[in-house]
Protein backbone atom coordinates (compact mmCIF):
# COMPACT_ATOMS: atom_id res chain seq x y z
CA MET A 1 9.97 52.86 -9.79
CA TRP A 2 9.32 56.50 -7.73
CA ALA A 3 5.77 57.67 -7.61
CA GLN A 4 5.21 61.48 -7.18
CA VAL A 5 3.21 62.46 -4.17
CA LYS A 6 1.37 65.82 -4.34
CA VAL A 7 1.03 67.65 -0.97
CA PRO A 8 -2.16 69.59 -0.95
CA LEU A 9 -1.23 72.94 0.26
CA ILE A 10 -4.97 74.54 -1.12
CA THR A 11 -7.65 73.21 0.80
CA ALA A 12 -10.64 72.59 -1.32
CA LYS A 13 -14.35 73.43 -0.59
CA LYS A 14 -16.58 71.07 1.99
CA GLU A 15 -18.80 70.12 -1.47
CA ASP A 16 -15.52 68.77 -2.92
CA TRP A 17 -14.88 66.79 -0.06
CA ALA A 18 -17.89 65.16 -0.15
CA ALA A 19 -18.20 64.41 -3.91
CA SER A 20 -14.93 63.07 -3.71
CA GLY A 21 -16.24 60.36 -1.21
CA SER A 22 -14.13 61.17 1.47
CA GLY A 23 -16.94 62.52 3.81
CA ALA A 24 -17.39 65.52 5.48
CA PRO A 25 -14.16 67.16 6.86
CA GLY A 26 -13.69 66.74 10.55
CA ALA A 27 -15.84 63.91 10.72
CA ASN A 28 -12.48 61.71 11.39
CA GLY A 29 -11.34 64.47 13.76
CA MET A 30 -8.69 65.52 10.78
CA ALA A 31 -9.73 68.76 9.88
CA SER A 32 -9.41 72.15 12.13
CA THR A 33 -10.98 75.38 11.87
CA VAL A 34 -9.11 78.33 10.57
CA PRO A 35 -9.88 81.71 11.54
CA GLY A 36 -10.91 82.35 8.39
CA GLY A 37 -13.91 79.99 8.17
CA THR A 38 -12.62 77.21 6.29
CA ASP A 39 -11.81 73.31 7.09
CA MET A 40 -8.56 72.50 6.72
CA PRO A 41 -6.94 68.92 7.32
CA SER A 42 -4.45 68.86 10.21
CA SER A 43 -1.59 67.40 8.18
CA VAL A 44 -2.19 70.79 5.63
CA GLU A 45 -2.04 73.30 8.59
CA GLU A 46 1.14 71.87 9.89
CA ASP A 47 3.10 71.82 6.49
CA ARG A 48 1.73 75.38 6.20
CA LYS A 49 3.70 76.32 9.57
CA HIS A 50 6.38 74.65 9.04
CA LEU A 51 7.00 76.25 5.42
CA THR A 52 6.00 79.72 7.07
CA GLU A 53 8.90 79.27 9.63
CA ALA A 54 11.36 77.93 7.17
CA VAL A 55 10.44 81.23 5.23
CA ILE A 56 11.30 83.34 8.16
CA VAL A 57 14.57 81.79 9.24
CA ARG A 58 16.18 81.57 5.61
CA ILE A 59 14.90 85.80 5.49
CA MET A 60 16.17 86.31 8.63
CA LYS A 61 19.42 84.41 8.23
CA SER A 62 20.18 86.47 4.84
CA ARG A 63 19.06 90.13 6.37
CA LYS A 64 20.09 89.43 10.43
CA THR A 65 17.77 91.96 11.37
CA MET A 66 14.52 93.33 10.31
CA GLU A 67 11.77 95.04 11.20
CA HIS A 68 8.09 93.16 12.04
CA ASN A 69 6.39 95.09 9.12
CA PRO A 70 8.71 94.40 6.17
CA LEU A 71 9.07 90.92 7.62
CA ILE A 72 5.74 90.04 7.43
CA VAL A 73 5.37 91.58 3.82
CA GLU A 74 8.72 90.05 2.73
CA VAL A 75 7.03 86.24 4.15
CA THR A 76 4.24 87.13 2.47
CA LYS A 77 5.52 87.66 -1.07
CA HIS A 78 7.62 84.35 -0.82
CA LEU A 79 4.49 82.66 0.31
CA GLN A 80 2.08 83.77 -2.14
CA ASN A 81 2.52 81.42 -4.58
CA ARG A 82 1.92 78.60 -2.39
CA PHE A 83 -1.13 80.25 0.32
CA ALA A 84 -1.87 83.26 1.68
CA PRO A 85 -0.39 83.45 5.10
CA THR A 86 -2.21 85.93 7.47
CA PRO A 87 -0.42 87.98 9.74
CA GLN A 88 -1.28 86.29 12.51
CA LEU A 89 -0.18 83.32 11.60
CA ILE A 90 3.25 85.05 10.77
CA LYS A 91 3.28 86.50 13.96
CA GLN A 92 2.65 83.10 15.81
CA ARG A 93 5.31 81.88 13.86
CA ILE A 94 7.73 84.33 15.06
CA GLU A 95 6.76 83.96 18.70
CA LYS A 96 7.65 80.09 18.22
CA LEU A 97 10.90 80.90 16.51
CA ILE A 98 11.99 83.60 19.24
CA GLU A 99 10.87 80.59 22.24
CA ARG A 100 13.04 77.89 20.58
CA GLU A 101 15.74 80.88 20.43
CA TYR A 102 16.40 81.23 16.47
CA LEU A 103 14.93 84.89 16.75
CA GLU A 104 15.55 87.67 19.50
CA ARG A 105 13.89 90.97 19.77
CA ASP A 106 15.86 93.70 19.81
CA GLN A 107 16.55 95.34 23.23
CA GLU A 108 16.37 99.05 22.35
CA ASP A 109 13.36 98.33 19.86
CA TRP A 110 10.78 95.81 20.32
CA LYS A 111 9.74 96.16 16.38
CA VAL A 112 13.11 94.60 15.29
CA TYR A 113 13.82 90.93 15.19
CA ARG A 114 17.47 89.85 15.44
CA TYR A 115 18.61 86.54 14.10
CA LEU A 116 20.55 84.16 16.48
CA ALA A 117 23.50 81.79 14.33
C-alpha cells in the first residue's frame, strides 16, 4: 500500500542525468548553478536549505548561545552524512533565521548568536 519515496540529496553528474534520459539539467529550468560549479535541481537546493536551517535551530535550541565558528563546525558535523554544506550556505541560513527572529546577535560580541524562544 505505502510506496517508499527517496529524496535525492546528493547531486548526480551531468553525464548521469543525460544517460538516464531526463535530458540535460537546466533544460527545463529546474536546475540552478551552485558556486561549487555543479548543477543541482532547485528542489534539492531547497531541501538542503531547509535541512540546514533545521539543524541550526536544533543546535541553538539546546545550546541557547554559541559563537559563529563552533556553530559552523557543529552544523557541518551534523550534515556530513547527507551532504557537505559550505560555510557560505550556513552563514546565509543563519542570516535568514536572524531575519525571521529565530536567532539574534549578542549586543556586546557580534560573533555570538543567541536563540530566541
